[in-house]
């Protein structure tokens, strides 16, 4: 997912001026923690791109990648829960030496 963001998403946002540099520097939000909580996008410029083939395809690709990551995480959580149950059962039934 991060490869896609670096190779496709970030260049797209820059190409269409969607990153709002003024907002970023006016509010002095230069730490990652602060940036993830604030909007540093120009929504008017983003809306200009809405419905274009390029943006639609990027959103489609992001949707597929997000769906895959979510499914993989859900599977991992389920496997982890089963492992916890198995370990709990083993610890309850086997004597300690």
PDB file of N, CA and C in Angstrom:
ATOM      1  N   UNK A   1       0.821  -1.190   0.000  1.00  0.00           N
ATOM      2  CA  UNK A   1       0.000   0.000   0.000  1.00  0.00           C
ATOM      3  C   UNK A   1       0.865   1.253   0.000  1.00  0.00           C
ATOM      4  N   UNK A   2       1.964   1.264   0.774  1.00  0.00           N
ATOM      5  CA  UNK A   2       2.786   2.465   0.822  1.00  0.00           C
ATOM      6  C   UNK A   2       3.494   2.699  -0.510  1.00  0.00           C
ATOM      7  N   UNK A   3       3.812   1.615  -1.243  1.00  0.00           N
ATOM      8  CA  UNK A   3       4.396   1.780  -2.577  1.00  0.00           C
ATOM      9  C   UNK A   3       3.431   2.523  -3.483  1.00  0.00           C
ATOM     10  N   UNK A   4       2.157   2.137  -3.427  1.00  0.00           N
ATOM     11  CA  UNK A   4       1.145   2.788  -4.252  1.00  0.00           C
ATOM     12  C   UNK A   4       1.036   4.264  -3.900  1.00  0.00           C
ATOM     13  N   UNK A   5       1.045   4.566  -2.606  1.00  0.00           N
ATOM     14  CA  UNK A   5       0.948   5.968  -2.191  1.00  0.00           C
ATOM     15  C   UNK A   5       2.148   6.759  -2.709  1.00  0.00           C
ATOM     16  N   UNK A   6       3.335   6.193  -2.562  1.00  0.00           N
ATOM     17  CA  UNK A   6       4.541   6.904  -2.983  1.00  0.00           C
ATOM     18  C   UNK A   6       4.624   7.057  -4.503  1.00  0.00           C
ATOM     19  N   UNK A   7       4.260   6.006  -5.232  1.00  0.00           N
ATOM     20  CA  UNK A   7       4.422   6.019  -6.689  1.00  0.00           C
ATOM     21  C   UNK A   7       3.257   6.641  -7.435  1.00  0.00           C
ATOM     22  N   UNK A   8       2.052   6.606  -6.862  1.00  0.00           N
ATOM     23  CA  UNK A   8       0.881   7.068  -7.596  1.00  0.00           C
ATOM     24  C   UNK A   8       0.115   8.199  -6.903  1.00  0.00           C
ATOM     25  N   UNK A   9      -0.235   7.991  -5.646  1.00  0.00           N
ATOM     26  CA  UNK A   9      -1.105   8.948  -4.960  1.00  0.00           C
ATOM     27  C   UNK A   9      -0.417  10.295  -4.735  1.00  0.00           C
ATOM     28  N   UNK A  10       0.767  10.262  -4.144  1.00  0.00           N
ATOM     29  CA  UNK A  10       1.458  11.534  -3.874  1.00  0.00           C
ATOM     30  C   UNK A  10       1.737  12.322  -5.149  1.00  0.00           C
ATOM     31  N   UNK A  11       2.243  11.672  -6.227  1.00  0.00           N
ATOM     32  CA  UNK A  11       2.441  12.444  -7.463  1.00  0.00           C
ATOM     33  C   UNK A  11       1.138  13.005  -8.038  1.00  0.00           C
ATOM     34  N   UNK A  12       0.046  12.253  -7.907  1.00  0.00           N
ATOM     35  CA  UNK A  12      -1.254  12.731  -8.395  1.00  0.00           C
ATOM     36  C   UNK A  12      -1.689  13.974  -7.618  1.00  0.00           C
ATOM     37  N   UNK A  13      -1.601  13.920  -6.291  1.00  0.00           N
ATOM     38  CA  UNK A  13      -2.001  15.071  -5.480  1.00  0.00           C
ATOM     39  C   UNK A  13      -1.159  16.294  -5.821  1.00  0.00           C
ATOM     40  N   UNK A  14       0.134  16.090  -6.016  1.00  0.00           N
ATOM     41  CA  UNK A  14       1.021  17.204  -6.366  1.00  0.00           C
ATOM     42  C   UNK A  14       0.713  17.731  -7.773  1.00  0.00           C
ATOM     43  N   UNK A  15       0.516  16.833  -8.713  1.00  0.00           N
ATOM     44  CA  UNK A  15       0.251  17.213 -10.105  1.00  0.00           C
ATOM     45  C   UNK A  15      -0.971  18.119 -10.220  1.00  0.00           C
ATOM     46  N   UNK A  16      -1.993  17.848  -9.420  1.00  0.00           N
ATOM     47  CA  UNK A  16      -3.239  18.603  -9.509  1.00  0.00           C
ATOM     48  C   UNK A  16      -3.371  19.666  -8.423  1.00  0.00           C
ATOM     49  N   UNK A  17      -2.304  19.930  -7.679  1.00  0.00           N
ATOM     50  CA  UNK A  17      -2.302  20.984  -6.669  1.00  0.00           C
ATOM     51  C   UNK A  17      -3.266  20.741  -5.530  1.00  0.00           C
ATOM     52  N   UNK A  18      -3.519  19.473  -5.210  1.00  0.00           N
ATOM     53  CA  UNK A  18      -4.479  19.145  -4.160  1.00  0.00           C
ATOM     54  C   UNK A  18      -3.857  19.292  -2.775  1.00  0.00           C
ATOM     55  N   UNK A  19      -2.554  19.130  -2.663  1.00  0.00           N
ATOM     56  CA  UNK A  19      -1.886  19.387  -1.385  1.00  0.00           C
ATOM     57  C   UNK A  19      -1.961  20.881  -1.104  1.00  0.00           C
ATOM     58  N   UNK A  20      -2.451  21.249   0.055  1.00  0.00           N
ATOM     59  CA  UNK A  20      -2.634  22.657   0.395  1.00  0.00           C
ATOM     60  C   UNK A  20      -1.441  23.152   1.212  1.00  0.00           C
ATOM     61  N   UNK A  21      -0.435  23.624   0.518  1.00  0.00           N
ATOM     62  CA  UNK A  21       0.803  24.074   1.145  1.00  0.00           C
ATOM     63  C   UNK A  21       0.561  25.244   2.089  1.00  0.00           C
ATOM     64  N   UNK A  22      -0.308  26.177   1.693  1.00  0.00           N
ATOM     65  CA  UNK A  22      -0.589  27.331   2.552  1.00  0.00           C
ATOM     66  C   UNK A  22      -1.141  26.875   3.897  1.00  0.00           C
ATOM     67  N   UNK A  23      -2.082  25.948   3.864  1.00  0.00           N
ATOM     68  CA  UNK A  23      -2.687  25.443   5.098  1.00  0.00           C
ATOM     69  C   UNK A  23      -1.630  24.774   5.968  1.00  0.00           C
ATOM     70  N   UNK A  24      -0.767  24.019   5.358  1.00  0.00           N
ATOM     71  CA  UNK A  24       0.288  23.322   6.093  1.00  0.00           C
ATOM     72  C   UNK A  24       1.194  24.304   6.825  1.00  0.00           C
ATOM     73  N   UNK A  25       1.680  25.298   6.119  1.00  0.00           N
ATOM     74  CA  UNK A  25       2.647  26.208   6.718  1.00  0.00           C
ATOM     75  C   UNK A  25       2.011  27.319   7.544  1.00  0.00           C
ATOM     76  N   UNK A  26       0.790  27.738   7.205  1.00  0.00           N
ATOM     77  CA  UNK A  26       0.114  28.755   8.016  1.00  0.00           C
ATOM     78  C   UNK A  26      -0.166  28.269   9.423  1.00  0.00           C
ATOM     79  N   UNK A  27      -0.479  26.996   9.550  1.00  0.00           N
ATOM     80  CA  UNK A  27      -0.817  26.449  10.860  1.00  0.00           C
ATOM     81  C   UNK A  27       0.373  25.786  11.542  1.00  0.00           C
ATOM     82  N   UNK A  28       1.529  25.833  10.924  1.00  0.00           N
ATOM     83  CA  UNK A  28       2.755  25.270  11.490  1.00  0.00           C
ATOM     84  C   UNK A  28       2.583  23.813  11.909  1.00  0.00           C
ATOM     85  N   UNK A  29       1.863  23.063  11.113  1.00  0.00           N
ATOM     86  CA  UNK A  29       1.619  21.652  11.420  1.00  0.00           C
ATOM     87  C   UNK A  29       2.649  20.803  10.687  1.00  0.00           C
ATOM     88  N   UNK A  30       3.804  20.696  11.276  1.00  0.00           N
ATOM     89  CA  UNK A  30       4.881  19.995  10.593  1.00  0.00           C
ATOM     90  C   UNK A  30       5.228  18.663  11.242  1.00  0.00           C
ATOM     91  N   UNK A  31       4.519  18.280  12.295  1.00  0.00           N
ATOM     92  CA  UNK A  31       4.781  16.959  12.855  1.00  0.00           C
ATOM     93  C   UNK A  31       3.744  15.991  12.292  1.00  0.00           C
ATOM     94  N   UNK A  32       4.165  14.758  12.119  1.00  0.00           N
ATOM     95  CA  UNK A  32       3.253  13.762  11.540  1.00  0.00           C
ATOM     96  C   UNK A  32       1.988  13.629  12.374  1.00  0.00           C
ATOM     97  N   UNK A  33       2.123  13.594  13.682  1.00  0.00           N
ATOM     98  CA  UNK A  33       0.956  13.411  14.542  1.00  0.00           C
ATOM     99  C   UNK A  33      -0.074  14.501  14.303  1.00  0.00           C
ATOM    100  N   UNK A  34       0.365  15.739  14.208  1.00  0.00           N
ATOM    101  CA  UNK A  34      -0.559  16.846  13.969  1.00  0.00           C
ATOM    102  C   UNK A  34      -1.151  16.773  12.571  1.00  0.00           C
ATOM    103  N   UNK A  35      -0.342  16.365  11.586  1.00  0.00           N
ATOM    104  CA  UNK A  35      -0.807  16.325  10.205  1.00  0.00           C
ATOM    105  C   UNK A  35      -1.902  15.297   9.996  1.00  0.00           C
ATOM    106  N   UNK A  36      -1.810  14.187  10.675  1.00  0.00           N
ATOM    107  CA  UNK A  36      -2.821  13.155  10.445  1.00  0.00           C
ATOM    108  C   UNK A  36      -4.177  13.559  11.004  1.00  0.00           C
ATOM    109  N   UNK A  37      -4.202  14.542  11.887  1.00  0.00           N
ATOM    110  CA  UNK A  37      -5.452  15.002  12.478  1.00  0.00           C
ATOM    111  C   UNK A  37      -6.041  16.191  11.723  1.00  0.00           C
ATOM    112  N   UNK A  38      -5.282  16.822  10.879  1.00  0.00           N
ATOM    113  CA  UNK A  38      -5.723  18.053  10.221  1.00  0.00           C
ATOM    114  C   UNK A  38      -5.861  17.870   8.717  1.00  0.00           C
ATOM    115  N   UNK A  39      -6.634  18.726   8.130  1.00  0.00           N
ATOM    116  CA  UNK A  39      -6.821  18.712   6.689  1.00  0.00           C
ATOM    117  C   UNK A  39      -5.770  19.606   6.030  1.00  0.00           C
ATOM    118  N   UNK A  40      -4.964  19.025   5.199  1.00  0.00           N
ATOM    119  CA  UNK A  40      -3.982  19.804   4.447  1.00  0.00           C
ATOM    120  C   UNK A  40      -4.210  19.602   2.944  1.00  0.00           C
ATOM    121  N   UNK A  41      -5.467  19.341   2.597  1.00  0.00           N
ATOM    122  CA  UNK A  41      -5.840  19.170   1.201  1.00  0.00           C
ATOM    123  C   UNK A  41      -6.723  20.319   0.764  1.00  0.00           C
ATOM    124  N   UNK A  42      -6.584  20.681  -0.477  1.00  0.00           N
ATOM    125  CA  UNK A  42      -7.457  21.679  -1.075  1.00  0.00           C
ATOM    126  C   UNK A  42      -8.666  20.930  -1.625  1.00  0.00           C
ATOM    127  N   UNK A  43      -9.771  20.988  -0.882  1.00  0.00           N
ATOM    128  CA  UNK A  43     -10.958  20.250  -1.299  1.00  0.00           C
ATOM    129  C   UNK A  43     -11.545  20.797  -2.596  1.00  0.00           C
ATOM    130  N   UNK A  44     -11.386  22.102  -2.848  1.00  0.00           N
ATOM    131  CA  UNK A  44     -11.905  22.638  -4.103  1.00  0.00           C
ATOM    132  C   UNK A  44     -11.144  22.051  -5.296  1.00  0.00           C
ATOM    133  N   UNK A  45      -9.841  21.906  -5.165  1.00  0.00           N
ATOM    134  CA  UNK A  45      -9.057  21.310  -6.256  1.00  0.00           C
ATOM    135  C   UNK A  45      -9.337  19.813  -6.378  1.00  0.00           C
ATOM    136  N   UNK A  46      -9.575  19.170  -5.244  1.00  0.00           N
ATOM    137  CA  UNK A  46      -9.929  17.752  -5.276  1.00  0.00           C
ATOM    138  C   UNK A  46     -11.271  17.568  -5.993  1.00  0.00           C
ATOM    139  N   UNK A  47     -12.239  18.455  -5.695  1.00  0.00           N
ATOM    140  CA  UNK A  47     -13.551  18.371  -6.329  1.00  0.00           C
ATOM    141  C   UNK A  47     -13.451  18.581  -7.840  1.00  0.00           C
ATOM    142  N   UNK A  48     -12.481  19.405  -8.281  1.00  0.00           N
ATOM    143  CA  UNK A  48     -12.286  19.604  -9.719  1.00  0.00           C
ATOM    144  C   UNK A  48     -11.921  18.294 -10.409  1.00  0.00           C
ATOM    145  N   UNK A  49     -11.215  17.439  -9.708  1.00  0.00           N
ATOM    146  CA  UNK A  49     -10.767  16.166 -10.279  1.00  0.00           C
ATOM    147  C   UNK A  49     -11.806  15.056 -10.132  1.00  0.00           C
ATOM    148  N   UNK A  50     -12.807  15.291  -9.275  1.00  0.00           N
ATOM    149  CA  UNK A  50     -13.809  14.269  -9.011  1.00  0.00           C
ATOM    150  C   UNK A  50     -14.542  13.905 -10.300  1.00  0.00           C
ATOM    151  N   UNK A  51     -14.630  12.618 -10.549  1.00  0.00           N
ATOM    152  CA  UNK A  51     -15.308  12.134 -11.750  1.00  0.00           C
ATOM    153  C   UNK A  51     -14.400  11.948 -12.940  1.00  0.00           C
ATOM    154  N   UNK A  52     -13.134  12.363 -12.818  1.00  0.00           N
ATOM    155  CA  UNK A  52     -12.204  12.122 -13.922  1.00  0.00           C
ATOM    156  C   UNK A  52     -11.786  10.661 -13.915  1.00  0.00           C
ATOM    157  N   UNK A  53     -11.439  10.148 -15.067  1.00  0.00           N
ATOM    158  CA  UNK A  53     -11.024   8.753 -15.177  1.00  0.00           C
ATOM    159  C   UNK A  53      -9.810   8.496 -14.288  1.00  0.00           C
ATOM    160  N   UNK A  54      -8.868   9.425 -14.272  1.00  0.00           N
ATOM    161  CA  UNK A  54      -7.640   9.237 -13.496  1.00  0.00           C
ATOM    162  C   UNK A  54      -7.945   9.092 -12.003  1.00  0.00           C
ATOM    163  N   UNK A  55      -8.762   9.993 -11.464  1.00  0.00           N
ATOM    164  CA  UNK A  55      -9.094   9.916 -10.042  1.00  0.00           C
ATOM    165  C   UNK A  55      -9.969   8.700  -9.757  1.00  0.00           C
ATOM    166  N   UNK A  56     -10.940   8.431 -10.616  1.00  0.00           N
ATOM    167  CA  UNK A  56     -11.797   7.262 -10.404  1.00  0.00           C
ATOM    168  C   UNK A  56     -10.977   5.974 -10.352  1.00  0.00           C
ATOM    169  N   UNK A  57     -10.012   5.845 -11.224  1.00  0.00           N
ATOM    170  CA  UNK A  57      -9.181   4.642 -11.240  1.00  0.00           C
ATOM    171  C   UNK A  57      -8.294   4.556 -10.007  1.00  0.00           C
ATOM    172  N   UNK A  58      -7.790   5.709  -9.563  1.00  0.00           N
ATOM    173  CA  UNK A  58      -6.967   5.715  -8.361  1.00  0.00           C
ATOM    174  C   UNK A  58      -7.812   5.333  -7.140  1.00  0.00           C
ATOM    175  N   UNK A  59      -9.022   5.873  -7.050  1.00  0.00           N
ATOM    176  CA  UNK A  59      -9.914   5.530  -5.942  1.00  0.00           C
ATOM    177  C   UNK A  59     -10.304   4.052  -5.994  1.00  0.00           C
ATOM    178  N   UNK A  60     -10.514   3.527  -7.197  1.00  0.00           N
ATOM    179  CA  UNK A  60     -10.812   2.110  -7.360  1.00  0.00           C
ATOM    180  C   UNK A  60      -9.656   1.266  -6.842  1.00  0.00           C
ATOM    181  N   UNK A  61      -8.448   1.622  -7.275  1.00  0.00           N
ATOM    182  CA  UNK A  61      -7.259   0.871  -6.848  1.00  0.00           C
ATOM    183  C   UNK A  61      -7.076   0.948  -5.331  1.00  0.00           C
ATOM    184  N   UNK A  62      -7.259   2.144  -4.763  1.00  0.00           N
ATOM    185  CA  UNK A  62      -7.152   2.301  -3.312  1.00  0.00           C
ATOM    186  C   UNK A  62      -8.215   1.475  -2.599  1.00  0.00           C
ATOM    187  N   UNK A  63      -9.411   1.424  -3.149  1.00  0.00           N
ATOM    188  CA  UNK A  63     -10.480   0.629  -2.557  1.00  0.00           C
ATOM    189  C   UNK A  63     -10.139  -0.855  -2.544  1.00  0.00           C
ATOM    190  N   UNK A  64      -9.607  -1.351  -3.637  1.00  0.00           N
ATOM    191  CA  UNK A  64      -9.205  -2.763  -3.718  1.00  0.00           C
ATOM    192  C   UNK A  64      -8.093  -3.046  -2.720  1.00  0.00           C
ATOM    193  N   UNK A  65      -7.087  -2.182  -2.689  1.00  0.00           N
ATOM    194  CA  UNK A  65      -5.959  -2.392  -1.774  1.00  0.00           C
ATOM    195  C   UNK A  65      -6.404  -2.312  -0.311  1.00  0.00           C
ATOM    196  N   UNK A  66      -7.302  -1.381  -0.003  1.00  0.00           N
ATOM    197  CA  UNK A  66      -7.799  -1.249   1.365  1.00  0.00           C
ATOM    198  C   UNK A  66      -8.622  -2.471   1.748  1.00  0.00           C
ATOM    199  N   UNK A  67      -9.439  -2.938   0.824  1.00  0.00           N
ATOM    200  CA  UNK A  67     -10.248  -4.124   1.075  1.00  0.00           C
ATOM    201  C   UNK A  67      -9.362  -5.339   1.337  1.00  0.00           C
ATOM    202  N   UNK A  68      -8.305  -5.472   0.540  1.00  0.00           N
ATOM    203  CA  UNK A  68      -7.380  -6.591   0.724  1.00  0.00           C
ATOM    204  C   UNK A  68      -6.715  -6.494   2.096  1.00  0.00           C
ATOM    205  N   UNK A  69      -6.243  -5.306   2.452  1.00  0.00           N
ATOM    206  CA  UNK A  69      -5.563  -5.128   3.746  1.00  0.00           C
ATOM    207  C   UNK A  69      -6.522  -5.399   4.897  1.00  0.00           C
ATOM    208  N   UNK A  70      -7.756  -4.928   4.782  1.00  0.00           N
ATOM    209  CA  UNK A  70      -8.758  -5.147   5.836  1.00  0.00           C
ATOM    210  C   UNK A  70      -9.052  -6.635   5.983  1.00  0.00           C
ATOM    211  N   UNK A  71      -9.223  -7.331   4.873  1.00  0.00           N
ATOM    212  CA  UNK A  71      -9.492  -8.771   4.914  1.00  0.00           C
ATOM    213  C   UNK A  71      -8.313  -9.528   5.517  1.00  0.00           C
ATOM    214  N   UNK A  72      -7.103  -9.156   5.125  1.00  0.00           N
ATOM    215  CA  UNK A  72      -5.913  -9.808   5.668  1.00  0.00           C
ATOM    216  C   UNK A  72      -5.804  -9.573   7.169  1.00  0.00           C
ATOM    217  N   UNK A  73      -6.098  -8.366   7.616  1.00  0.00           N
ATOM    218  CA  UNK A  73      -6.049  -8.047   9.045  1.00  0.00           C
ATOM    219  C   UNK A  73      -7.114  -8.827   9.810  1.00  0.00           C
ATOM    220  N   UNK A  74      -8.322  -8.907   9.266  1.00  0.00           N
ATOM    221  CA  UNK A  74      -9.393  -9.671   9.921  1.00  0.00           C
ATOM    222  C   UNK A  74      -9.006 -11.143  10.042  1.00  0.00           C
ATOM    223  N   UNK A  75      -8.404 -11.703   8.970  1.00  0.00           N
ATOM    224  CA  UNK A  75      -7.950 -13.098   9.015  1.00  0.00           C
ATOM    225  C   UNK A  75      -6.859 -13.287  10.067  1.00  0.00           C
ATOM    226  N   UNK A  76      -5.953 -12.330  10.136  1.00  0.00           N
ATOM    227  CA  UNK A  76      -4.879 -12.401  11.118  1.00  0.00           C
ATOM    228  C   UNK A  76      -5.420 -12.331  12.537  1.00  0.00           C
ATOM    229  N   UNK A  77      -6.379 -11.455  12.777  1.00  0.00           N
ATOM    230  CA  UNK A  77      -6.988 -11.351  14.100  1.00  0.00           C
ATOM    231  C   UNK A  77      -7.715 -12.644  14.484  1.00  0.00           C
ATOM    232  N   UNK A  78      -8.401 -13.246  13.523  1.00  0.00           N
ATOM    233  CA  UNK A  78      -9.101 -14.511  13.772  1.00  0.00           C
ATOM    234  C   UNK A  78      -8.099 -15.623  14.088  1.00  0.00           C
ATOM    235  N   UNK A  79      -7.026 -15.690  13.324  1.00  0.00           N
ATOM    236  CA  UNK A  79      -5.986 -16.697  13.571  1.00  0.00           C
ATOM    237  C   UNK A  79      -5.344 -16.477  14.931  1.00  0.00           C
ATOM    238  N   UNK A  80      -5.090 -15.223  15.288  1.00  0.00           N
ATOM    239  CA  UNK A  80      -4.504 -14.897  16.582  1.00  0.00           C
ATOM    240  C   UNK A  80      -5.425 -15.322  17.719  1.00  0.00           C
ATOM    241  N   UNK A  81      -6.711 -15.075  17.569  1.00  0.00           N
ATOM    242  CA  UNK A  81      -7.685 -15.448  18.601  1.00  0.00           C
ATOM    243  C   UNK A  81      -7.708 -16.976  18.773  1.00  0.00           C
ATOM    244  N   UNK A  82      -7.690 -17.703  17.656  1.00  0.00           N
ATOM    245  CA  UNK A  82      -7.665 -19.168  17.728  1.00  0.00           C
ATOM    246  C   UNK A  82      -6.388 -19.669  18.398  1.00  0.00           C
ATOM    247  N   UNK A  83      -5.279 -19.049  18.109  1.00  0.00           N
ATOM    248  CA  UNK A  83      -4.018 -19.422  18.744  1.00  0.00           C
ATOM    249  C   UNK A  83      -4.079 -19.173  20.251  1.00  0.00           C
ATOM    250  N   UNK A  84      -4.635 -18.040  20.640  1.00  0.00           N
ATOM    251  CA  UNK A  84      -4.790 -17.746  22.075  1.00  0.00           C
ATOM    252  C   UNK A  84      -5.638 -18.814  22.761  1.00  0.00           C
ATOM    253  N   UNK A  85      -6.741 -19.202  22.123  1.00  0.00           N
ATOM    254  CA  UNK A  85      -7.607 -20.238  22.696  1.00  0.00           C
ATOM    255  C   UNK A  85      -6.875 -21.573  22.808  1.00  0.00           C
ATOM    256  N   UNK A  86      -6.118 -21.934  21.757  1.00  0.00           N
ATOM    257  CA  UNK A  86      -5.353 -23.182  21.785  1.00  0.00           C
ATOM    258  C   UNK A  86      -4.313 -23.171  22.899  1.00  0.00           C
ATOM    259  N   UNK A  87      -3.608 -22.059  23.035  1.00  0.00           N
ATOM    260  CA  UNK A  87      -2.592 -21.955  24.088  1.00  0.00           C
ATOM    261  C   UNK A  87      -3.222 -22.014  25.476  1.00  0.00           C
ATOM    262  N   UNK A  88      -4.353 -21.358  25.631  1.00  0.00           N
ATOM    263  CA  UNK A  88      -5.063 -21.399  26.912  1.00  0.00           C
ATOM    264  C   UNK A  88      -5.471 -22.829  27.248  1.00  0.00           C
ATOM    265  N   UNK A  89      -5.993 -23.550  26.274  1.00  0.00           N
ATOM    266  CA  UNK A  89      -6.406 -24.944  26.483  1.00  0.00           C
ATOM    267  C   UNK A  89      -5.213 -25.836  26.856  1.00  0.00           C
ATOM    268  N   UNK A  90      -4.076 -25.634  26.181  1.00  0.00           N
ATOM    269  CA  UNK A  90      -2.881 -26.423  26.470  1.00  0.00           C
ATOM    270  C   UNK A  90      -2.410 -26.134  27.892  1.00  0.00           C
ATOM    271  N   UNK A  91      -2.379 -24.878  28.272  1.00  0.00           N
ATOM    272  CA  UNK A  91      -1.924 -24.510  29.610  1.00  0.00           C
ATOM    273  C   UNK A  91      -2.845 -25.048  30.697  1.00  0.00           C
ATOM    274  N   UNK A  92      -4.111 -25.173  30.408  1.00  0.00           N
ATOM    275  CA  UNK A  92      -5.058 -25.696  31.382  1.00  0.00           C
ATOM    276  C   UNK A  92      -4.956 -27.206  31.530  1.00  0.00           C
ATOM    277  N   UNK A  93      -4.617 -27.897  30.476  1.00  0.00           N
ATOM    278  CA  UNK A  93      -4.656 -29.367  30.509  1.00  0.00           C
ATOM    279  C   UNK A  93      -3.315 -30.018  30.797  1.00  0.00           C
ATOM    280  N   UNK A  94      -2.238 -29.349  30.505  1.00  0.00           N
ATOM    281  CA  UNK A  94      -0.925 -29.999  30.702  1.00  0.00           C
ATOM    282  C   UNK A  94      -0.312 -29.537  32.023  1.00  0.00           C
ATOM    283  N   UNK A  95       0.233 -30.485  32.749  1.00  0.00           N
ATOM    284  CA  UNK A  95       0.873 -30.123  34.032  1.00  0.00           C
ATOM    285  C   UNK A  95       2.179 -29.378  33.797  1.00  0.00           C
ATOM    286  N   UNK A  96       2.508 -28.504  34.746  1.00  0.00           N
ATOM    287  CA  UNK A  96       3.785 -27.768  34.689  1.00  0.00           C
ATOM    288  C   UNK A  96       4.869 -28.642  35.310  1.00  0.00           C
ATOM    289  N   UNK A  97       6.017 -28.659  34.737  1.00  0.00           N
ATOM    290  CA  UNK A  97       7.167 -29.406  35.288  1.00  0.00           C
ATOM    291  C   UNK A  97       8.244 -28.489  35.748  1.00  0.00           C
TER     292      UNK A  97
END
